Amino acid sequence: MTLVKFGKEHKNGLVNPFFNDVYSLLNDSFLNERIATVVPAANIAENENAFEIALAIPGLKKEDIKINLEKNVLSVSAEKKTETTDENKKFSKREYNFNGFSRSFTLPQSADVSKIEAEYVDGILTLNIAKKEEAKFQSREITLK
């Protein structure tokens, strides 16, 4: 039986080379750059008049963000060129890097796609999608017979 400790020999001197490769892969800066380009986190809420989608996308300018609507699919994407102004520096590790993302949301039938507003403040993109009049919560008191 082989005892393995990631990247180091165990006290019996046996190492499984597969685990060394996995350990190297997990610490690879190329892979870390790819992991950094994940889709942004989103909060989706609903009130009586509208739906709200909030995306955490810090570090962008409004000009970097594209919002499209095709049928009932709302897509948000961004692409930002990575600036390499530190040409005299040799990085041993570079963890923050942004390449871009794309995220789509299928809107419900009750959404009024003609009334969508977007706002980008402090790294949060907020999309407000109004509800159709017939889909709004209607409250009334019901009397017992």
N, C-alpha and C. Protein backbone atom coordinates (compact mmCIF):
# COMPACT_ATOMS: atom_id res chain seq x y z
N MET A 1 0.85 -1.18 0.00
CA MET A 1 0.00 0.00 0.00
C MET A 1 0.88 1.23 0.00
N THR A 2 0.52 2.23 -0.79
CA THR A 2 1.30 3.46 -0.89
C THR A 2 0.65 4.54 -0.06
N LEU A 3 1.41 5.13 0.83
CA LEU A 3 0.92 6.26 1.61
C LEU A 3 1.34 7.53 0.90
N VAL A 4 0.41 8.46 0.77
CA VAL A 4 0.69 9.65 -0.02
C VAL A 4 0.43 10.90 0.81
N LYS A 5 1.30 11.84 0.65
CA LYS A 5 1.12 13.17 1.21
C LYS A 5 1.40 14.10 0.04
N PHE A 6 0.48 15.00 -0.28
CA PHE A 6 0.60 15.82 -1.48
C PHE A 6 1.96 16.47 -1.59
N GLY A 7 2.64 16.20 -2.71
CA GLY A 7 3.87 16.90 -3.06
C GLY A 7 5.09 16.53 -2.26
N LYS A 8 4.99 15.65 -1.29
CA LYS A 8 6.15 15.30 -0.47
C LYS A 8 6.16 13.80 -0.26
N GLU A 9 7.32 13.29 -0.02
CA GLU A 9 7.41 11.88 0.29
C GLU A 9 6.91 11.63 1.69
N HIS A 10 6.22 10.51 1.83
CA HIS A 10 5.80 10.11 3.15
C HIS A 10 6.98 9.46 3.84
N LYS A 11 6.89 9.18 5.12
CA LYS A 11 8.03 8.67 5.87
C LYS A 11 8.54 7.33 5.35
N ASN A 12 7.70 6.57 4.62
CA ASN A 12 8.19 5.31 4.08
C ASN A 12 8.87 5.50 2.72
N GLY A 13 8.93 6.73 2.23
CA GLY A 13 9.64 7.02 0.98
C GLY A 13 8.83 6.80 -0.27
N LEU A 14 7.60 6.35 -0.16
CA LEU A 14 6.78 6.08 -1.34
C LEU A 14 5.92 7.28 -1.68
N VAL A 15 5.85 7.63 -2.95
CA VAL A 15 5.03 8.73 -3.42
C VAL A 15 4.33 8.28 -4.68
N ASN A 16 3.06 8.56 -4.76
CA ASN A 16 2.32 8.27 -5.97
C ASN A 16 2.50 9.46 -6.91
N PRO A 17 3.09 9.28 -8.08
CA PRO A 17 3.34 10.42 -8.98
C PRO A 17 2.07 11.12 -9.45
N PHE A 18 0.95 10.41 -9.49
CA PHE A 18 -0.31 11.04 -9.88
C PHE A 18 -0.64 12.20 -8.95
N PHE A 19 -0.48 12.00 -7.65
CA PHE A 19 -0.80 13.04 -6.69
C PHE A 19 0.15 14.23 -6.78
N ASN A 20 1.40 13.98 -7.14
CA ASN A 20 2.32 15.09 -7.37
C ASN A 20 1.84 15.94 -8.53
N ASP A 21 1.34 15.29 -9.60
CA ASP A 21 0.83 16.02 -10.76
C ASP A 21 -0.41 16.83 -10.39
N VAL A 22 -1.30 16.25 -9.59
CA VAL A 22 -2.50 16.95 -9.18
C VAL A 22 -2.12 18.15 -8.31
N TYR A 23 -1.19 17.94 -7.40
CA TYR A 23 -0.75 19.02 -6.53
C TYR A 23 -0.15 20.16 -7.35
N SER A 24 0.66 19.83 -8.33
CA SER A 24 1.26 20.85 -9.20
C SER A 24 0.19 21.58 -9.99
N LEU A 25 -0.81 20.83 -10.47
CA LEU A 25 -1.88 21.43 -11.25
C LEU A 25 -2.68 22.42 -10.41
N LEU A 26 -2.98 22.06 -9.16
CA LEU A 26 -3.75 22.94 -8.30
C LEU A 26 -3.00 24.20 -7.93
N ASN A 27 -1.69 24.17 -7.96
CA ASN A 27 -0.88 25.35 -7.64
C ASN A 27 -0.40 26.08 -8.89
N ASP A 28 -0.87 25.68 -10.04
CA ASP A 28 -0.45 26.27 -11.30
C ASP A 28 -1.07 27.65 -11.48
N SER A 29 -0.27 28.65 -11.78
CA SER A 29 -0.80 30.01 -11.95
C SER A 29 -1.71 30.11 -13.16
N PHE A 30 -1.46 29.30 -14.19
CA PHE A 30 -2.33 29.32 -15.37
C PHE A 30 -3.74 28.91 -14.98
N LEU A 31 -3.84 27.84 -14.18
CA LEU A 31 -5.14 27.39 -13.73
C LEU A 31 -5.79 28.42 -12.81
N ASN A 32 -5.02 29.03 -11.94
CA ASN A 32 -5.57 30.05 -11.04
C ASN A 32 -6.16 31.21 -11.82
N GLU A 33 -5.56 31.58 -12.94
CA GLU A 33 -6.11 32.65 -13.77
C GLU A 33 -7.44 32.23 -14.37
N ARG A 34 -7.57 30.97 -14.74
CA ARG A 34 -8.83 30.48 -15.31
C ARG A 34 -9.91 30.42 -14.24
N ILE A 35 -9.54 30.03 -13.02
CA ILE A 35 -10.52 29.96 -11.94
C ILE A 35 -11.02 31.37 -11.62
N ALA A 36 -10.18 32.38 -11.78
CA ALA A 36 -10.56 33.76 -11.46
C ALA A 36 -11.61 34.31 -12.42
N THR A 37 -11.83 33.66 -13.54
CA THR A 37 -12.80 34.16 -14.52
C THR A 37 -14.10 33.37 -14.43
N VAL A 38 -14.67 33.31 -13.26
CA VAL A 38 -15.93 32.64 -13.07
C VAL A 38 -17.07 33.64 -13.22
N VAL A 39 -18.28 33.11 -13.29
CA VAL A 39 -19.42 34.01 -13.41
C VAL A 39 -19.67 34.72 -12.08
N PRO A 40 -20.14 35.94 -12.14
CA PRO A 40 -20.36 36.70 -10.90
C PRO A 40 -21.55 36.15 -10.11
N ALA A 41 -21.49 36.37 -8.81
CA ALA A 41 -22.59 35.98 -7.94
C ALA A 41 -23.79 36.87 -8.20
N ALA A 42 -24.97 36.29 -8.06
CA ALA A 42 -26.20 37.04 -8.32
C ALA A 42 -27.19 36.85 -7.18
N ASN A 43 -27.90 37.91 -6.87
CA ASN A 43 -29.04 37.86 -5.95
C ASN A 43 -30.28 38.17 -6.77
N ILE A 44 -31.31 37.36 -6.63
CA ILE A 44 -32.55 37.57 -7.36
C ILE A 44 -33.67 37.71 -6.35
N ALA A 45 -34.41 38.79 -6.45
CA ALA A 45 -35.50 39.06 -5.51
C ALA A 45 -36.75 39.46 -6.28
N GLU A 46 -37.86 39.40 -5.58
CA GLU A 46 -39.15 39.76 -6.17
C GLU A 46 -39.96 40.53 -5.14
N ASN A 47 -40.62 41.58 -5.59
CA ASN A 47 -41.59 42.26 -4.74
C ASN A 47 -42.90 42.34 -5.52
N GLU A 48 -43.86 43.08 -5.02
CA GLU A 48 -45.17 43.08 -5.67
C GLU A 48 -45.17 43.72 -7.06
N ASN A 49 -44.19 44.59 -7.35
CA ASN A 49 -44.19 45.30 -8.63
C ASN A 49 -43.10 44.89 -9.60
N ALA A 50 -42.05 44.22 -9.12
CA ALA A 50 -40.91 43.98 -10.00
C ALA A 50 -40.05 42.81 -9.51
N PHE A 51 -39.17 42.39 -10.41
CA PHE A 51 -38.10 41.45 -10.10
C PHE A 51 -36.81 42.26 -10.04
N GLU A 52 -35.88 41.85 -9.20
CA GLU A 52 -34.60 42.54 -9.13
C GLU A 52 -33.48 41.51 -9.19
N ILE A 53 -32.54 41.76 -10.08
CA ILE A 53 -31.34 40.93 -10.19
C ILE A 53 -30.15 41.83 -9.86
N ALA A 54 -29.36 41.42 -8.89
CA ALA A 54 -28.16 42.18 -8.53
C ALA A 54 -26.94 41.28 -8.75
N LEU A 55 -25.99 41.78 -9.53
CA LEU A 55 -24.76 41.04 -9.83
C LEU A 55 -23.56 41.75 -9.22
N ALA A 56 -22.71 41.00 -8.55
CA ALA A 56 -21.49 41.56 -7.98
C ALA A 56 -20.39 41.51 -9.04
N ILE A 57 -20.09 42.67 -9.64
CA ILE A 57 -19.06 42.74 -10.68
C ILE A 57 -18.16 43.96 -10.44
N PRO A 58 -17.38 43.93 -9.38
CA PRO A 58 -16.53 45.08 -9.05
C PRO A 58 -15.39 45.26 -10.05
N GLY A 59 -14.87 46.48 -10.10
CA GLY A 59 -13.70 46.76 -10.91
C GLY A 59 -13.97 47.07 -12.36
N LEU A 60 -15.22 47.20 -12.74
CA LEU A 60 -15.56 47.48 -14.13
C LEU A 60 -16.04 48.92 -14.27
N LYS A 61 -15.98 49.40 -15.49
CA LYS A 61 -16.59 50.68 -15.83
C LYS A 61 -17.92 50.38 -16.50
N LYS A 62 -18.81 51.34 -16.50
CA LYS A 62 -20.11 51.14 -17.13
C LYS A 62 -19.97 50.75 -18.60
N GLU A 63 -18.94 51.29 -19.24
CA GLU A 63 -18.72 51.02 -20.67
C GLU A 63 -18.32 49.57 -20.93
N ASP A 64 -17.82 48.87 -19.91
CA ASP A 64 -17.38 47.48 -20.07
C ASP A 64 -18.55 46.50 -20.06
N ILE A 65 -19.71 46.94 -19.58
CA ILE A 65 -20.86 46.06 -19.35
C ILE A 65 -21.82 46.13 -20.53
N LYS A 66 -22.25 44.96 -20.99
CA LYS A 66 -23.24 44.86 -22.07
C LYS A 66 -24.45 44.09 -21.54
N ILE A 67 -25.64 44.64 -21.77
CA ILE A 67 -26.88 44.00 -21.35
C ILE A 67 -27.75 43.85 -22.58
N ASN A 68 -28.17 42.62 -22.86
CA ASN A 68 -28.99 42.33 -24.04
C ASN A 68 -30.23 41.55 -23.64
N LEU A 69 -31.29 41.75 -24.41
CA LEU A 69 -32.52 41.00 -24.21
C LEU A 69 -32.90 40.38 -25.55
N GLU A 70 -33.04 39.05 -25.54
CA GLU A 70 -33.49 38.35 -26.74
C GLU A 70 -34.63 37.44 -26.33
N LYS A 71 -35.81 37.73 -26.85
CA LYS A 71 -37.04 37.07 -26.43
C LYS A 71 -37.19 37.26 -24.93
N ASN A 72 -37.16 36.20 -24.13
CA ASN A 72 -37.30 36.37 -22.68
C ASN A 72 -36.00 36.03 -21.94
N VAL A 73 -34.87 36.10 -22.63
CA VAL A 73 -33.57 35.81 -22.03
C VAL A 73 -32.77 37.10 -21.91
N LEU A 74 -32.47 37.47 -20.67
CA LEU A 74 -31.69 38.67 -20.37
C LEU A 74 -30.25 38.24 -20.16
N SER A 75 -29.32 38.78 -20.95
CA SER A 75 -27.91 38.41 -20.85
C SER A 75 -27.09 39.61 -20.41
N VAL A 76 -26.17 39.35 -19.49
CA VAL A 76 -25.24 40.36 -19.01
C VAL A 76 -23.84 39.83 -19.28
N SER A 77 -23.01 40.66 -19.92
CA SER A 77 -21.64 40.23 -20.18
C SER A 77 -20.71 41.42 -20.02
N ALA A 78 -19.44 41.10 -19.87
CA ALA A 78 -18.42 42.15 -19.76
C ALA A 78 -17.11 41.59 -20.26
N GLU A 79 -16.35 42.46 -20.86
CA GLU A 79 -15.00 42.09 -21.27
C GLU A 79 -14.12 43.29 -21.01
N LYS A 80 -13.03 43.03 -20.35
CA LYS A 80 -12.11 44.10 -20.01
C LYS A 80 -10.71 43.64 -20.39
N LYS A 81 -10.04 44.48 -21.11
CA LYS A 81 -8.67 44.16 -21.49
C LYS A 81 -7.77 44.27 -20.28
N THR A 82 -6.92 43.28 -20.08
CA THR A 82 -5.98 43.32 -18.97
C THR A 82 -4.83 44.24 -19.35
N GLU A 83 -4.60 45.23 -18.52
CA GLU A 83 -3.53 46.17 -18.78
C GLU A 83 -2.23 45.63 -18.20
N THR A 84 -1.19 45.66 -19.00
CA THR A 84 0.11 45.17 -18.54
C THR A 84 1.06 46.35 -18.42
N THR A 85 0.82 47.18 -17.41
CA THR A 85 1.66 48.36 -17.22
C THR A 85 2.90 48.05 -16.39
N ASP A 86 2.94 46.86 -15.80
CA ASP A 86 4.07 46.47 -14.95
C ASP A 86 5.06 45.62 -15.72
N GLU A 87 5.52 46.10 -16.86
CA GLU A 87 6.40 45.32 -17.70
C GLU A 87 7.78 45.10 -17.08
N ASN A 88 8.19 45.96 -16.15
CA ASN A 88 9.49 45.80 -15.52
C ASN A 88 9.45 44.85 -14.33
N LYS A 89 8.26 44.39 -13.97
CA LYS A 89 8.12 43.49 -12.84
C LYS A 89 7.97 42.06 -13.31
N LYS A 90 8.55 41.16 -12.56
CA LYS A 90 8.37 39.75 -12.81
C LYS A 90 7.55 39.21 -11.65
N PHE A 91 6.32 38.78 -11.95
CA PHE A 91 5.43 38.31 -10.93
C PHE A 91 5.70 36.84 -10.63
N SER A 92 5.78 36.50 -9.36
CA SER A 92 5.86 35.09 -8.99
C SER A 92 4.46 34.51 -8.88
N LYS A 93 3.48 35.35 -8.63
CA LYS A 93 2.09 34.94 -8.58
C LYS A 93 1.23 36.15 -8.93
N ARG A 94 0.23 35.93 -9.75
CA ARG A 94 -0.68 37.00 -10.14
C ARG A 94 -2.09 36.45 -10.05
N GLU A 95 -2.80 36.79 -8.98
CA GLU A 95 -4.10 36.20 -8.74
C GLU A 95 -5.26 37.04 -9.22
N TYR A 96 -5.14 38.34 -9.22
CA TYR A 96 -6.28 39.11 -9.71
C TYR A 96 -6.04 39.51 -11.15
N ASN A 97 -6.97 39.04 -11.95
CA ASN A 97 -6.92 39.23 -13.38
C ASN A 97 -8.35 39.05 -13.87
N PHE A 98 -8.80 39.86 -14.78
CA PHE A 98 -10.17 39.78 -15.25
C PHE A 98 -10.18 39.66 -16.75
N ASN A 99 -10.82 38.62 -17.26
CA ASN A 99 -10.93 38.45 -18.70
C ASN A 99 -12.32 38.77 -19.20
N GLY A 100 -13.32 38.37 -18.47
CA GLY A 100 -14.69 38.64 -18.88
C GLY A 100 -15.63 37.56 -18.37
N PHE A 101 -16.92 37.78 -18.59
CA PHE A 101 -17.93 36.81 -18.20
C PHE A 101 -19.17 37.02 -19.05
N SER A 102 -20.05 36.06 -18.99
CA SER A 102 -21.36 36.17 -19.60
C SER A 102 -22.32 35.37 -18.73
N ARG A 103 -23.45 35.97 -18.42
CA ARG A 103 -24.44 35.30 -17.59
C ARG A 103 -25.82 35.63 -18.14
N SER A 104 -26.68 34.62 -18.24
CA SER A 104 -28.01 34.79 -18.79
C SER A 104 -29.08 34.38 -17.79
N PHE A 105 -30.23 35.06 -17.87
CA PHE A 105 -31.36 34.79 -17.00
C PHE A 105 -32.61 34.68 -17.85
N THR A 106 -33.35 33.61 -17.68
CA THR A 106 -34.62 33.46 -18.38
C THR A 106 -35.69 34.15 -17.55
N LEU A 107 -36.32 35.14 -18.14
CA LEU A 107 -37.33 35.92 -17.43
C LEU A 107 -38.67 35.20 -17.46
N PRO A 108 -39.44 35.30 -16.39
CA PRO A 108 -40.75 34.66 -16.37
C PRO A 108 -41.74 35.39 -17.28
N GLN A 109 -42.83 34.71 -17.60
CA GLN A 109 -43.86 35.30 -18.46
C GLN A 109 -44.46 36.56 -17.84
N SER A 110 -44.41 36.67 -16.53
CA SER A 110 -45.01 37.82 -15.85
C SER A 110 -44.13 39.07 -15.92
N ALA A 111 -42.93 38.96 -16.48
CA ALA A 111 -42.04 40.12 -16.58
C ALA A 111 -42.45 41.00 -17.75
N ASP A 112 -42.43 42.30 -17.52
CA ASP A 112 -42.72 43.28 -18.57
C ASP A 112 -41.37 43.68 -19.18
N VAL A 113 -40.99 43.03 -20.26
CA VAL A 113 -39.66 43.24 -20.84
C VAL A 113 -39.48 44.62 -21.45
N SER A 114 -40.56 45.38 -21.59
CA SER A 114 -40.44 46.75 -22.10
C SER A 114 -40.04 47.72 -20.99
N LYS A 115 -40.03 47.23 -19.75
CA LYS A 115 -39.70 48.10 -18.61
C LYS A 115 -38.57 47.47 -17.79
N ILE A 116 -37.37 47.56 -18.34
CA ILE A 116 -36.18 47.06 -17.64
C ILE A 116 -35.24 48.23 -17.41
N GLU A 117 -34.81 48.40 -16.18
CA GLU A 117 -33.86 49.47 -15.85
C GLU A 117 -32.60 48.85 -15.27
N ALA A 118 -31.45 49.47 -15.56
CA ALA A 118 -30.17 48.97 -15.06
C ALA A 118 -29.39 50.10 -14.42
N GLU A 119 -28.71 49.76 -13.32
CA GLU A 119 -27.89 50.74 -12.61
C GLU A 119 -26.64 50.04 -12.10
N TYR A 120 -25.49 50.70 -12.23
CA TYR A 120 -24.22 50.14 -11.77
C TYR A 120 -23.60 51.10 -10.76
N VAL A 121 -23.57 50.68 -9.48
CA VAL A 121 -23.06 51.53 -8.41
C VAL A 121 -22.18 50.67 -7.49
N ASP A 122 -20.98 51.16 -7.21
CA ASP A 122 -20.06 50.51 -6.27
C ASP A 122 -19.86 49.02 -6.55
N GLY A 123 -19.72 48.66 -7.82
CA GLY A 123 -19.43 47.27 -8.19
C GLY A 123 -20.63 46.35 -8.23
N ILE A 124 -21.82 46.89 -8.02
CA ILE A 124 -23.04 46.08 -8.07
C ILE A 124 -23.91 46.56 -9.23
N LEU A 125 -24.21 45.64 -10.14
CA LEU A 125 -25.12 45.91 -11.24
C LEU A 125 -26.51 45.47 -10.80
N THR A 126 -27.46 46.40 -10.79
CA THR A 126 -28.82 46.09 -10.38
C THR A 126 -29.74 46.24 -11.58
N LEU A 127 -30.48 45.19 -11.88
CA LEU A 127 -31.45 45.19 -12.96
C LEU A 127 -32.84 45.09 -12.35
N ASN A 128 -33.69 46.05 -12.65
CA ASN A 128 -35.08 46.03 -12.20
C ASN A 128 -35.97 45.73 -13.39
N ILE A 129 -36.73 44.65 -13.27
CA ILE A 129 -37.63 44.24 -14.34
C ILE A 129 -39.06 44.34 -13.80
N ALA A 130 -39.84 45.25 -14.37
CA ALA A 130 -41.21 45.45 -13.91
C ALA A 130 -42.06 44.22 -14.23
N LYS A 131 -43.10 44.04 -13.44
CA LYS A 131 -44.06 42.97 -13.70
C LYS A 131 -45.20 43.52 -14.55
N LYS A 132 -45.79 42.64 -15.35
CA LYS A 132 -46.99 43.03 -16.08
C LYS A 132 -48.09 43.33 -15.08
N GLU A 133 -48.97 44.22 -15.46
CA GLU A 133 -50.02 44.68 -14.55
C GLU A 133 -50.83 43.52 -13.99
N GLU A 134 -51.17 42.55 -14.84
CA GLU A 134 -52.00 41.42 -14.38
C GLU A 134 -51.23 40.44 -13.48
N ALA A 135 -49.91 40.56 -13.45
CA ALA A 135 -49.11 39.65 -12.63
C ALA A 135 -48.78 40.22 -11.26
N LYS A 136 -49.08 41.48 -11.04
CA LYS A 136 -48.76 42.10 -9.76
C LYS A 136 -49.61 41.48 -8.64
N PHE A 137 -49.02 41.41 -7.47
CA PHE A 137 -49.75 40.88 -6.32
C PHE A 137 -50.96 41.77 -6.07
N GLN A 138 -52.07 41.15 -5.93
CA GLN A 138 -53.27 41.92 -5.60
C GLN A 138 -53.77 41.41 -4.26
N SER A 139 -53.87 42.31 -3.35
CA SER A 139 -54.35 41.90 -2.03
C SER A 139 -55.72 42.50 -1.80
N ARG A 140 -56.55 41.71 -1.16
CA ARG A 140 -57.87 42.17 -0.78
C ARG A 140 -58.36 41.29 0.35
N GLU A 141 -59.27 41.79 1.08
CA GLU A 141 -59.83 41.02 2.18
C GLU A 141 -60.95 40.17 1.65
N ILE A 142 -60.96 38.93 2.07
CA ILE A 142 -62.02 38.01 1.65
C ILE A 142 -62.91 37.76 2.86
N THR A 143 -64.18 37.98 2.66
CA THR A 143 -65.11 37.80 3.78
C THR A 143 -65.60 36.36 3.82
N LEU A 144 -65.83 35.91 5.02
CA LEU A 144 -66.35 34.56 5.23
C LEU A 144 -67.85 34.58 5.14
N LYS A 145 -68.42 33.53 4.59
CA LYS A 145 -69.89 33.41 4.48
C LYS A 145 -70.40 32.55 5.61
